[in-house]
Amino acid sequence: MGLMDFLKRKRAEADAVNRDMITLGSCSGGCAGCSCAAPVMDGEYTTTESVRVLGPAGDASRMLAHNAQQAVDAAGLQIKIEHLTDMAEIMLYGVMPLPALVVDDVVVATGRELSPEEIGAFLKA
């Protein structure tokens, strides 16, 4: 398989994830009665395991990473924020514009800095 085939496959996988993306401002899940796009949580409730910030080492990405760490700390989680700056890795998520926030391998926001409170809505403590 060539590089282009690999990237096309990864793009298709990222598109599938983005179709299921939780949009900012929607319910954080766990409900069945509202009209939001959030998934209904069935089965075991687990805590957030990973938080990643995607974007170059600019001010917006650094601020998003800082706010994400504040949200993680406020939620009482022991997670180190990963800041991915390598464009090859970022391309695998298929997101633009940057910065982007990824929680448990799901892209939850792109193109803007989120406040710690907004990020906290995506975390499961």
Protein backbone atom coordinates (compact mmCIF):
# COMPACT_ATOMS: atom_id res chain seq x y z
CA MET A 1 0.00 0.00 0.00
CA GLY A 2 1.40 3.37 -0.99
CA LEU A 3 1.44 6.52 1.10
CA MET A 4 -1.52 8.02 -0.77
CA ASP A 5 -3.63 4.90 -0.18
CA PHE A 6 -2.73 4.98 3.50
CA LEU A 7 -3.66 8.66 3.80
CA LYS A 8 -6.95 8.10 1.94
CA ARG A 9 -7.84 5.26 4.30
CA LYS A 10 -6.98 7.35 7.35
CA ARG A 11 -8.99 10.26 5.93
CA ALA A 12 -12.02 7.97 5.49
CA GLU A 13 -11.66 6.78 9.09
CA ALA A 14 -11.39 10.39 10.32
CA ASP A 15 -14.47 11.36 8.28
CA ALA A 16 -16.42 8.56 9.93
CA VAL A 17 -15.36 9.84 13.34
CA ASN A 18 -16.24 13.42 12.41
CA ARG A 19 -19.74 12.34 11.33
CA ASP A 20 -20.25 11.11 14.87
CA MET A 21 -18.56 14.17 16.38
CA ILE A 22 -20.16 15.75 19.39
CA THR A 23 -20.80 19.36 18.42
CA LEU A 24 -19.92 22.17 20.77
CA GLY A 25 -22.91 23.29 22.75
CA SER A 26 -24.71 19.98 22.57
CA CYS A 27 -25.59 17.82 25.50
CA SER A 28 -22.63 15.96 26.96
CA GLY A 29 -24.39 12.62 26.58
CA GLY A 30 -26.11 10.25 28.91
CA CYS A 31 -29.61 11.42 28.07
CA ALA A 32 -32.23 10.02 25.78
CA GLY A 33 -34.83 12.76 25.97
CA CYS A 34 -33.25 15.76 24.25
CA SER A 35 -32.72 16.45 20.56
CA CYS A 36 -28.96 16.91 20.76
CA ALA A 37 -26.47 15.03 18.62
CA ALA A 38 -24.69 13.53 21.61
CA PRO A 39 -24.59 9.75 21.83
CA VAL A 40 -26.72 8.05 24.43
CA MET A 41 -24.41 6.40 26.92
CA ASP A 42 -25.33 2.81 27.48
CA GLY A 43 -23.45 0.29 29.53
CA GLU A 44 -20.56 1.08 31.78
CA TYR A 45 -19.65 4.71 32.50
CA THR A 46 -15.90 5.22 32.09
CA THR A 47 -13.65 8.16 32.82
CA THR A 48 -11.84 10.18 30.21
CA GLU A 49 -8.54 8.52 29.34
CA SER A 50 -6.89 10.88 26.87
CA VAL A 51 -6.99 14.52 25.82
CA ARG A 52 -5.06 15.81 22.81
CA VAL A 53 -4.64 19.26 21.34
CA LEU A 54 -3.87 19.32 17.62
CA GLY A 55 -2.15 22.31 16.10
CA PRO A 56 1.10 24.10 15.47
CA ALA A 57 2.99 25.55 18.40
CA GLY A 58 1.18 28.90 18.10
CA ASP A 59 -0.65 30.98 20.67
CA ALA A 60 -4.09 29.47 19.98
CA SER A 61 -2.88 25.88 20.38
CA ARG A 62 -0.90 26.70 23.51
CA MET A 63 -3.92 28.45 25.04
CA LEU A 64 -6.18 25.50 24.18
CA ALA A 65 -3.68 23.11 25.79
CA HIS A 66 -3.49 25.35 28.88
CA ASN A 67 -7.29 25.52 29.16
CA ALA A 68 -7.55 21.76 28.65
CA GLN A 69 -5.13 21.17 31.53
CA GLN A 70 -7.19 23.50 33.73
CA ALA A 71 -10.36 21.57 32.83
CA VAL A 72 -8.69 18.22 33.53
CA ASP A 73 -7.41 19.48 36.89
CA ALA A 74 -10.86 20.87 37.81
CA ALA A 75 -12.44 17.49 36.97
CA GLY A 76 -9.95 15.75 39.24
CA LEU A 77 -8.52 13.61 36.45
CA GLN A 78 -4.89 12.48 36.32
CA ILE A 79 -4.31 13.00 32.59
CA LYS A 80 -1.39 14.66 30.86
CA ILE A 81 -2.50 16.74 27.89
CA GLU A 82 -0.85 15.64 24.64
CA HIS A 83 -0.06 18.49 22.24
CA LEU A 84 0.46 17.14 18.71
CA THR A 85 2.27 19.57 16.43
CA ASP A 86 3.46 17.18 13.72
CA MET A 87 1.30 17.87 10.66
CA ALA A 88 1.56 14.25 9.47
CA GLU A 89 -0.04 13.08 12.73
CA ILE A 90 -2.62 15.88 12.65
CA MET A 91 -3.60 14.96 9.09
CA LEU A 92 -4.59 11.50 10.30
CA TYR A 93 -7.44 13.11 12.25
CA GLY A 94 -8.69 14.85 9.10
CA VAL A 95 -9.44 18.14 10.84
CA MET A 96 -9.19 21.71 9.70
CA PRO A 97 -9.12 24.45 10.92
CA LEU A 98 -6.75 24.22 13.84
CA PRO A 99 -6.46 24.11 16.80
CA ALA A 100 -8.56 21.04 17.49
CA LEU A 101 -9.44 19.19 20.66
CA VAL A 102 -9.60 15.39 20.79
CA VAL A 103 -11.09 13.61 23.82
CA ASP A 104 -10.79 9.82 23.95
CA ASP A 105 -9.93 9.71 20.23
CA VAL A 106 -13.02 11.70 19.20
CA VAL A 107 -12.61 15.17 17.70
CA VAL A 108 -14.91 17.37 19.79
CA ALA A 109 -14.01 20.88 18.58
CA THR A 110 -12.05 22.55 15.80
CA GLY A 111 -11.00 26.03 14.87
CA ARG A 112 -11.21 27.93 18.13
CA GLU A 113 -9.94 28.19 21.65
CA LEU A 114 -12.33 26.73 24.21
CA SER A 115 -12.63 27.88 27.79
CA PRO A 116 -11.88 25.42 30.59
CA GLU A 117 -15.63 25.26 31.30
CA GLU A 118 -16.45 24.36 27.68
CA ILE A 119 -13.75 21.68 27.67
CA GLY A 120 -15.00 20.33 31.00
CA ALA A 121 -18.33 19.48 29.36
CA PHE A 122 -16.53 16.88 27.21
CA LEU A 123 -14.70 15.22 30.12
CA LYS A 124 -16.00 12.25 32.09
CA ALA A 125 -14.74 12.21 35.66
